[in-house]
């Protein structure tokens, strides 16, 4: 489907319902979309390609949308294969078309496509450079590490549109989530999971991009994944500011746990009930069974977190170990953390979890903790109540 976004801008992106894991690890229950746009002006610019698996569909849409014209430029905001996979097919079809990209993207292009004949067919741009198409004038803003080093975004002053690359992207195909986003939880949920798991480590770089964009009047945001954004833009911009500054979005407690025989699960369920009685919002994740990317999302979203696991081979249970590795690798910080450990002999889980979190900045730790020796008893139940009291007083 080709969608006319204005008199001179067309949407030519493609949905993907065949891909089960994004980047080889993130579940896609609602599919994924690869967004691409066409600007028809005095000069014609294609705004990004798509994944190689959708090249035929995309090229058909592009030819149809061109209405007999030929593209002058293909703007490459991001060289990740889900956006660059069809570039060579487009260059073969339109030999006069030039690629507009950063110097780092050009280097990556040669890495991905060793034998590509691109001599004389590239226009390298940098921060603040402009490309005039006619009425439409693109200003390029480099966005390194949002989320690859070669990334740039572009601002079209004619219709106040920000072509935002992977920023403001979201899991889910447009055919499932709708063409235009709204300010409800449906957008935020999958956009949050996308942001923290893919871009989350690079909050400082996202902040830098937000500062670059701030002087421009932005009325529409066209990302490379997910719905297009044209209303309530302050909502999306404020969320990105919150996420990238590592501030808590929601007051509440994320509880992430593993349980071998059910006793640790019993403990966290009791804690969750005690917290909810005190009016605290709780998100509970069984790390062995949930989508770990959603558990990561909740860990960043809430201002407090409880980690509960079993001592295992002198360390901690593997799913918890992997979870904490994800958090540390993504720049986890600014949280209040509490621990629940279980061990029939020589419990060491709390010590090991806290040691793993040492690289994280600005962390505070609850004074109360819970130690379970095999199964809950009167003492450990009392510790859970004390922990609930402390966490609820930290609101």
Protein backbone atom coordinates (compact mmCIF):
# COMPACT_ATOMS: atom_id res chain seq x y z
CA UNK A 1 0.00 0.00 0.00
CA UNK A 2 1.27 3.45 -0.96
CA UNK A 3 0.01 6.17 1.35
CA UNK A 4 0.00 9.82 0.33
CA UNK A 5 1.24 11.80 3.33
CA UNK A 6 1.00 15.16 1.55
CA UNK A 7 0.91 16.48 -2.01
CA UNK A 8 4.60 15.67 -2.40
CA UNK A 9 5.40 12.93 0.17
CA UNK A 10 4.54 9.25 -0.14
CA UNK A 11 4.93 6.35 2.28
CA UNK A 12 6.47 3.27 0.63
CA UNK A 13 7.47 1.14 3.64
CA UNK A 14 6.92 -2.57 4.12
CA UNK A 15 5.53 -4.72 6.92
CA UNK A 16 7.32 -7.93 7.91
CA UNK A 17 5.28 -10.69 9.54
CA UNK A 18 7.80 -13.42 8.76
CA UNK A 19 10.57 -12.28 11.10
CA UNK A 20 10.25 -13.92 14.52
CA UNK A 21 13.17 -12.20 16.29
CA UNK A 22 14.38 -8.65 15.72
CA UNK A 23 18.18 -8.45 15.76
CA UNK A 24 18.15 -12.16 16.54
CA UNK A 25 16.75 -11.78 20.07
CA UNK A 26 13.65 -9.59 20.47
CA UNK A 27 10.24 -11.25 20.03
CA UNK A 28 7.93 -9.73 17.42
CA UNK A 29 4.40 -10.90 18.23
CA UNK A 30 2.96 -8.07 16.11
CA UNK A 31 5.58 -8.16 13.33
CA UNK A 32 7.89 -5.32 12.31
CA UNK A 33 7.84 -2.54 9.78
CA UNK A 34 10.62 -1.02 7.67
CA UNK A 35 9.61 2.55 6.91
CA UNK A 36 10.60 4.30 3.72
CA UNK A 37 9.40 7.58 2.28
CA UNK A 38 9.46 9.36 -1.07
CA UNK A 39 9.67 13.14 -1.56
CA UNK A 40 8.58 14.30 -5.02
CA UNK A 41 9.85 17.83 -5.67
CA UNK A 42 12.07 19.51 -8.24
CA UNK A 43 14.47 16.77 -7.20
CA UNK A 44 13.24 13.39 -6.01
CA UNK A 45 14.54 11.86 -2.80
CA UNK A 46 13.93 8.38 -1.42
CA UNK A 47 14.23 8.40 2.35
CA UNK A 48 15.84 5.05 3.25
CA UNK A 49 15.59 1.58 1.83
CA UNK A 50 14.30 -1.59 3.50
CA UNK A 51 15.43 -5.08 4.45
CA UNK A 52 16.61 -7.27 1.57
CA UNK A 53 13.73 -9.69 2.20
CA UNK A 54 11.28 -6.94 1.21
CA UNK A 55 13.25 -5.52 -1.72
CA UNK A 56 10.84 -6.69 -4.43
CA UNK A 57 7.80 -5.25 -2.66
CA UNK A 58 9.59 -2.00 -1.89
CA UNK A 59 10.89 -1.49 -5.44
CA UNK A 60 7.41 -2.11 -6.82
CA UNK A 61 5.96 0.51 -4.45
CA UNK A 62 8.75 2.93 -5.28
CA UNK A 63 8.21 2.63 -9.02
CA UNK A 64 4.47 3.07 -8.60
CA UNK A 65 4.87 6.12 -6.34
CA UNK A 66 7.37 7.76 -8.71
CA UNK A 67 4.66 8.06 -11.38
CA UNK A 68 7.18 7.90 -14.19
CA UNK A 69 9.86 10.04 -12.59
CA UNK A 70 13.35 8.90 -11.57
CA UNK A 71 14.89 9.34 -8.12
CA UNK A 72 17.82 11.72 -7.79
CA UNK A 73 18.81 10.71 -4.25
CA UNK A 74 18.52 7.87 -1.78
CA UNK A 75 19.08 9.30 1.70
CA UNK A 76 20.67 6.70 3.97
CA UNK A 77 19.99 7.63 7.57
CA UNK A 78 21.16 4.29 8.97
CA UNK A 79 23.22 1.44 7.52
CA UNK A 80 21.80 -1.40 9.61
CA UNK A 81 20.82 -4.20 7.20
CA UNK A 82 17.09 -3.92 7.92
CA UNK A 83 17.27 -0.50 6.23
CA UNK A 84 20.20 -0.87 3.84
CA UNK A 85 19.59 -4.40 2.55
CA UNK A 86 17.83 -3.22 -0.62
CA UNK A 87 20.19 -0.35 -1.47
CA UNK A 88 22.12 -2.12 -4.23
CA UNK A 89 18.92 -3.32 -5.86
CA UNK A 90 17.74 0.29 -6.02
CA UNK A 91 21.08 1.50 -7.37
CA UNK A 92 20.96 -1.12 -10.12
CA UNK A 93 17.43 -0.10 -11.06
CA UNK A 94 18.15 3.64 -10.99
CA UNK A 95 21.77 4.15 -12.16
CA UNK A 96 21.61 7.96 -11.99
CA UNK A 97 20.54 7.99 -8.34
CA UNK A 98 23.07 9.15 -5.74
CA UNK A 99 23.37 7.98 -2.15
CA UNK A 100 23.33 10.71 0.50
CA UNK A 101 25.04 9.49 3.66
CA UNK A 102 27.63 10.22 6.34
CA UNK A 103 31.30 9.36 5.93
CA UNK A 104 30.94 6.58 8.49
CA UNK A 105 27.94 5.19 6.60
CA UNK A 106 29.95 5.17 3.40
CA UNK A 107 32.65 3.14 5.13
CA UNK A 108 30.02 0.68 6.37
CA UNK A 109 28.44 0.49 2.92
CA UNK A 110 31.74 -0.79 1.53
CA UNK A 111 31.96 -3.27 4.41
CA UNK A 112 28.49 -4.68 3.80
CA UNK A 113 28.76 -4.66 0.00
CA UNK A 114 32.36 -5.44 -0.90
CA UNK A 115 31.95 -5.30 -4.68
CA UNK A 116 29.46 -2.43 -4.89
CA UNK A 117 30.17 -0.06 -7.78
CA UNK A 118 29.45 3.25 -6.05
CA UNK A 119 32.25 5.46 -7.38
CA UNK A 120 30.82 8.87 -8.24
CA UNK A 121 27.42 7.90 -6.86
CA UNK A 122 27.66 9.18 -3.29
CA UNK A 123 27.17 12.53 -1.61
CA UNK A 124 28.77 12.60 1.84
CA UNK A 125 27.13 14.99 4.29
CA UNK A 126 27.83 16.07 7.86
CA UNK A 127 26.21 17.93 10.71
CA UNK A 128 24.21 20.92 9.50
CA UNK A 129 24.65 20.22 5.78
CA UNK A 130 21.63 20.87 3.59
CA UNK A 131 20.10 19.33 0.50
CA UNK A 132 17.64 21.40 -1.51
CA UNK A 133 15.08 19.42 -3.46
CA UNK A 134 12.97 22.44 -4.41
CA UNK A 135 10.35 23.49 -1.89
CA UNK A 136 11.62 20.74 0.39
CA UNK A 137 14.96 21.51 2.04
CA UNK A 138 16.64 18.85 4.15
CA UNK A 139 18.98 19.69 7.01
CA UNK A 140 21.11 16.76 8.17
CA UNK A 141 21.95 16.25 11.83
CA UNK A 142 24.43 13.58 12.81
CA UNK A 143 23.24 11.25 15.56
CA UNK A 144 26.17 8.96 16.37
CA UNK A 145 25.29 5.95 18.54
CA UNK A 146 21.57 6.45 18.19
CA UNK A 147 22.15 3.59 17.92
CA UNK A 148 25.05 3.02 15.46
CA UNK A 149 27.94 5.46 14.90
CA UNK A 150 27.01 6.37 11.32
CA UNK A 151 23.43 7.47 12.02
CA UNK A 152 22.01 10.79 10.96
CA UNK A 153 18.52 12.27 10.96
CA UNK A 154 17.12 14.89 8.63
CA UNK A 155 14.74 17.80 9.10
CA UNK A 156 12.56 19.00 6.24
CA UNK A 157 11.73 22.64 6.88
CA UNK A 158 8.98 22.69 4.21
CA UNK A 159 6.57 20.54 6.21
CA UNK A 160 8.39 20.57 9.59
CA UNK A 161 9.10 16.84 9.44
CA UNK A 162 11.86 15.04 11.31
CA UNK A 163 13.04 11.86 9.61
CA UNK A 164 14.32 10.34 12.83
CA UNK A 165 16.05 7.09 11.80
CA UNK A 166 15.69 4.51 14.62
CA UNK A 167 14.79 7.16 17.19
CA UNK A 168 11.08 7.11 18.11
CA UNK A 169 10.82 3.65 16.60
CA UNK A 170 8.65 0.86 17.92
CA UNK A 171 8.16 -2.88 17.59
CA UNK A 172 5.08 -3.91 15.64
CA UNK A 173 4.05 -3.75 11.99
CA UNK A 174 2.00 -0.77 10.87
CA UNK A 175 -0.62 -3.20 9.64
CA UNK A 176 -1.09 -4.24 13.29
CA UNK A 177 -0.37 -1.12 15.33
CA UNK A 178 -1.90 1.46 12.99
CA UNK A 179 -0.37 3.98 10.61
CA UNK A 180 -0.25 6.94 12.96
CA UNK A 181 0.72 6.69 16.62
CA UNK A 182 -1.25 8.00 19.54
CA UNK A 183 -0.34 8.92 23.10
CA UNK A 184 -1.76 5.77 24.66
CA UNK A 185 -0.01 2.93 26.45
CA UNK A 186 0.00 0.75 23.32
CA UNK A 187 2.59 2.98 21.65
CA UNK A 188 4.62 3.56 24.81
CA UNK A 189 4.81 -0.11 25.77
CA UNK A 190 6.47 -1.40 22.60
CA UNK A 191 8.38 1.83 22.00
CA UNK A 192 9.79 1.53 25.51
CA UNK A 193 10.79 -2.11 25.00
CA UNK A 194 12.43 -1.10 21.72
CA UNK A 195 14.22 1.91 23.21
CA UNK A 196 15.71 0.38 26.35
CA UNK A 197 16.84 -2.86 24.73
CA UNK A 198 18.28 -1.34 21.57
CA UNK A 199 19.16 2.30 22.23
CA UNK A 200 19.13 2.35 26.04
CA UNK A 201 22.89 2.28 26.58
CA UNK A 202 23.30 5.50 24.62
CA UNK A 203 21.23 7.92 26.68
CA UNK A 204 23.86 10.68 26.51
CA UNK A 205 23.86 10.47 22.72
CA UNK A 206 20.05 10.60 22.59
CA UNK A 207 20.15 13.67 24.83
CA UNK A 208 22.63 15.26 22.41
CA UNK A 209 20.29 14.57 19.50
CA UNK A 210 17.31 16.03 21.38
CA UNK A 211 19.33 19.20 21.94
CA UNK A 212 20.16 19.40 18.22
CA UNK A 213 16.52 18.98 17.28
CA UNK A 214 15.15 21.44 19.85
CA UNK A 215 15.64 24.64 17.75
CA UNK A 216 13.54 23.20 14.92
CA UNK A 217 9.77 23.34 14.79
CA UNK A 218 8.83 19.67 14.52
CA UNK A 219 5.24 18.90 13.52
CA UNK A 220 5.75 15.32 12.33
CA UNK A 221 8.20 12.57 13.23
CA UNK A 222 8.75 9.85 10.64
CA UNK A 223 10.85 7.01 12.16
CA UNK A 224 12.28 3.93 10.46
CA UNK A 225 10.15 1.54 12.52
CA UNK A 226 6.58 1.71 13.73
CA UNK A 227 3.85 4.31 13.29
CA UNK A 228 4.33 7.84 12.08
CA UNK A 229 3.87 10.52 14.71
CA UNK A 230 2.01 13.75 13.97
CA UNK A 231 -0.06 14.60 17.06
CA UNK A 232 0.81 15.08 20.73
CA UNK A 233 4.49 15.29 19.83
CA UNK A 234 5.33 16.71 23.25
CA UNK A 235 4.29 13.34 24.70
CA UNK A 236 6.84 11.42 22.60
CA UNK A 237 9.59 13.98 23.07
CA UNK A 238 9.07 14.04 26.84
CA UNK A 239 9.18 10.24 27.02
CA UNK A 240 12.44 10.18 25.08
CA UNK A 241 13.87 12.85 27.36
CA UNK A 242 12.87 10.81 30.42
CA UNK A 243 14.20 7.53 29.03
CA UNK A 244 17.49 8.96 27.80
CA UNK A 245 18.18 10.79 31.05
CA UNK A 246 17.67 7.51 32.98
CA UNK A 247 14.94 9.07 35.09
CA UNK A 248 12.14 6.86 36.34
CA UNK A 249 9.07 7.09 34.16
CA UNK A 250 6.74 5.48 36.71
CA UNK A 251 6.69 5.33 40.50
CA UNK A 252 6.60 1.69 41.45
CA UNK A 253 8.56 -1.51 42.02
CA UNK A 254 9.76 -3.92 39.36
CA UNK A 255 10.30 -7.39 40.82
CA UNK A 256 12.43 -9.76 38.75
CA UNK A 257 12.90 -13.29 40.05
CA UNK A 258 13.88 -16.87 39.37
CA UNK A 259 12.58 -19.80 41.38
CA UNK A 260 13.66 -23.44 41.28
CA UNK A 261 11.04 -25.16 43.45
CA UNK A 262 8.57 -22.35 44.00
CA UNK A 263 9.75 -20.97 47.33
CA UNK A 264 11.32 -17.81 45.90
CA UNK A 265 8.22 -17.31 43.79
CA UNK A 266 6.12 -17.57 46.95
CA UNK A 267 8.30 -14.90 48.55
CA UNK A 268 7.99 -12.39 45.69
CA UNK A 269 4.26 -12.97 45.39
CA UNK A 270 3.93 -12.21 49.10
CA UNK A 271 6.06 -9.08 48.67
CA UNK A 272 3.97 -7.97 45.68
CA UNK A 273 0.78 -8.40 47.68
CA UNK A 274 2.22 -6.44 50.63
CA UNK A 275 3.32 -3.62 48.33
CA UNK A 276 -0.02 -3.45 46.57
CA UNK A 277 -1.78 -3.25 49.96
CA UNK A 278 0.35 -0.17 50.58
CA UNK A 279 -0.71 1.39 47.27
CA UNK A 280 2.52 0.64 45.38
CA UNK A 281 2.38 -0.25 41.68
CA UNK A 282 4.18 -3.57 41.03
CA UNK A 283 5.45 -5.29 37.87
CA UNK A 284 6.40 -8.95 38.42
CA UNK A 285 8.68 -10.87 36.01
CA UNK A 286 9.59 -14.56 36.11
CA UNK A 287 12.89 -14.39 34.24
CA UNK A 288 12.79 -18.05 33.21
CA UNK A 289 9.44 -17.66 31.46
CA UNK A 290 8.84 -14.05 30.48
CA UNK A 291 10.17 -12.08 27.54
CA UNK A 292 13.38 -10.86 29.17
CA UNK A 293 13.28 -7.72 27.02
CA UNK A 294 10.04 -6.77 28.77
CA UNK A 295 11.67 -7.37 32.16
CA UNK A 296 14.50 -5.05 31.09
CA UNK A 297 11.90 -2.48 30.05
CA UNK A 298 10.27 -2.62 33.48
CA UNK A 299 13.62 -2.39 35.26
CA UNK A 300 14.30 0.95 33.56
CA UNK A 301 10.72 2.17 33.79
CA UNK A 302 10.20 1.96 37.56
CA UNK A 303 12.17 3.81 40.23
CA UNK A 304 12.66 0.75 42.48
CA UNK A 305 13.61 -2.85 41.71
CA UNK A 306 13.75 -6.09 43.68
CA UNK A 307 16.03 -8.88 42.47
CA UNK A 308 15.15 -12.30 43.88
CA UNK A 309 16.99 -15.49 43.08
CA UNK A 310 18.59 -18.68 44.32
CA UNK A 311 22.21 -19.35 45.11
CA UNK A 312 23.32 -21.66 42.31
CA UNK A 313 26.74 -23.30 41.97
CA UNK A 314 28.10 -20.73 44.39
CA UNK A 315 26.74 -17.90 42.25
CA UNK A 316 23.24 -16.99 41.10
CA UNK A 317 20.68 -18.72 38.94
CA UNK A 318 21.56 -18.37 35.20
CA UNK A 319 18.48 -16.39 34.13
CA UNK A 320 19.12 -13.79 36.82
CA UNK A 321 22.80 -13.64 35.86
CA UNK A 322 21.83 -12.96 32.24
CA UNK A 323 19.26 -10.37 33.28
CA UNK A 324 21.74 -8.37 35.36
CA UNK A 325 24.29 -8.59 32.54
CA UNK A 326 21.69 -7.01 30.25
CA UNK A 327 21.02 -4.21 32.73
CA UNK A 328 24.69 -3.41 33.28
CA UNK A 329 25.41 -3.54 29.54
CA UNK A 330 22.58 -1.09 28.86
CA UNK A 331 23.79 1.50 31.38
CA UNK A 332 21.40 0.76 34.25
CA UNK A 333 21.54 3.48 36.93
CA UNK A 334 19.62 5.79 39.30
CA UNK A 335 17.68 3.03 41.07
CA UNK A 336 16.82 1.84 44.55
CA UNK A 337 17.57 -1.89 44.67
CA UNK A 338 16.52 -4.58 47.14
CA UNK A 339 17.46 -8.25 47.23
CA UNK A 340 15.81 -11.55 48.09
CA UNK A 341 18.07 -14.58 48.23
CA UNK A 342 17.36 -18.25 48.71
CA UNK A 343 19.83 -20.96 49.64
CA UNK A 344 19.59 -24.21 51.57
CA UNK A 345 23.24 -23.87 52.55
CA UNK A 346 25.80 -21.05 52.15
CA UNK A 347 23.43 -18.49 50.56
CA UNK A 348 25.47 -16.08 48.42
CA UNK A 349 23.00 -14.67 45.90
CA UNK A 350 22.68 -11.18 47.41
CA UNK A 351 26.44 -10.71 47.57
CA UNK A 352 26.86 -11.85 43.98
CA UNK A 353 24.02 -9.75 42.60
CA UNK A 354 25.29 -6.62 44.32
CA UNK A 355 28.78 -7.25 42.99
CA UNK A 356 27.45 -7.51 39.46
CA UNK A 357 25.74 -4.12 39.84
CA UNK A 358 28.90 -2.31 40.94
CA UNK A 359 29.47 -0.68 37.51
CA UNK A 360 26.03 0.96 37.69
CA UNK A 361 25.99 4.64 38.64
CA UNK A 362 23.99 6.33 41.37
CA UNK A 363 22.49 3.21 42.92
CA UNK A 364 21.00 3.01 46.41
CA UNK A 365 20.26 -0.20 48.26
CA UNK A 366 17.43 -1.00 50.64
CA UNK A 367 18.49 -1.60 54.22
CA UNK A 368 16.00 -4.44 54.52
CA UNK A 369 16.66 -7.70 52.74
CA UNK A 370 15.20 -11.19 52.70
CA UNK A 371 17.11 -14.41 53.27
CA UNK A 372 15.24 -17.66 52.70
CA UNK A 373 16.79 -20.83 53.97
CA UNK A 374 15.10 -23.39 51.69
CA UNK A 375 11.49 -22.28 52.34
CA UNK A 376 9.69 -19.35 53.90
CA UNK A 377 9.33 -19.33 57.67
CA UNK A 378 8.22 -16.83 60.26
CA UNK A 379 11.50 -14.95 60.19
CA UNK A 380 11.72 -14.57 56.41
CA UNK A 381 8.04 -13.59 56.19
CA UNK A 382 8.76 -10.85 58.71
CA UNK A 383 11.66 -9.70 56.54
CA UNK A 384 9.31 -9.46 53.56
CA UNK A 385 6.93 -7.24 55.53
CA UNK A 386 9.84 -5.04 56.61
CA UNK A 387 11.05 -4.77 53.02
CA UNK A 388 7.55 -3.82 51.86
CA UNK A 389 7.46 -1.10 54.51
CA UNK A 390 10.81 0.32 53.44
CA UNK A 391 10.05 0.24 49.71
CA UNK A 392 6.64 1.84 50.18
CA UNK A 393 8.18 4.61 52.28
CA UNK A 394 10.62 5.40 49.43
CA UNK A 395 7.87 6.63 47.09
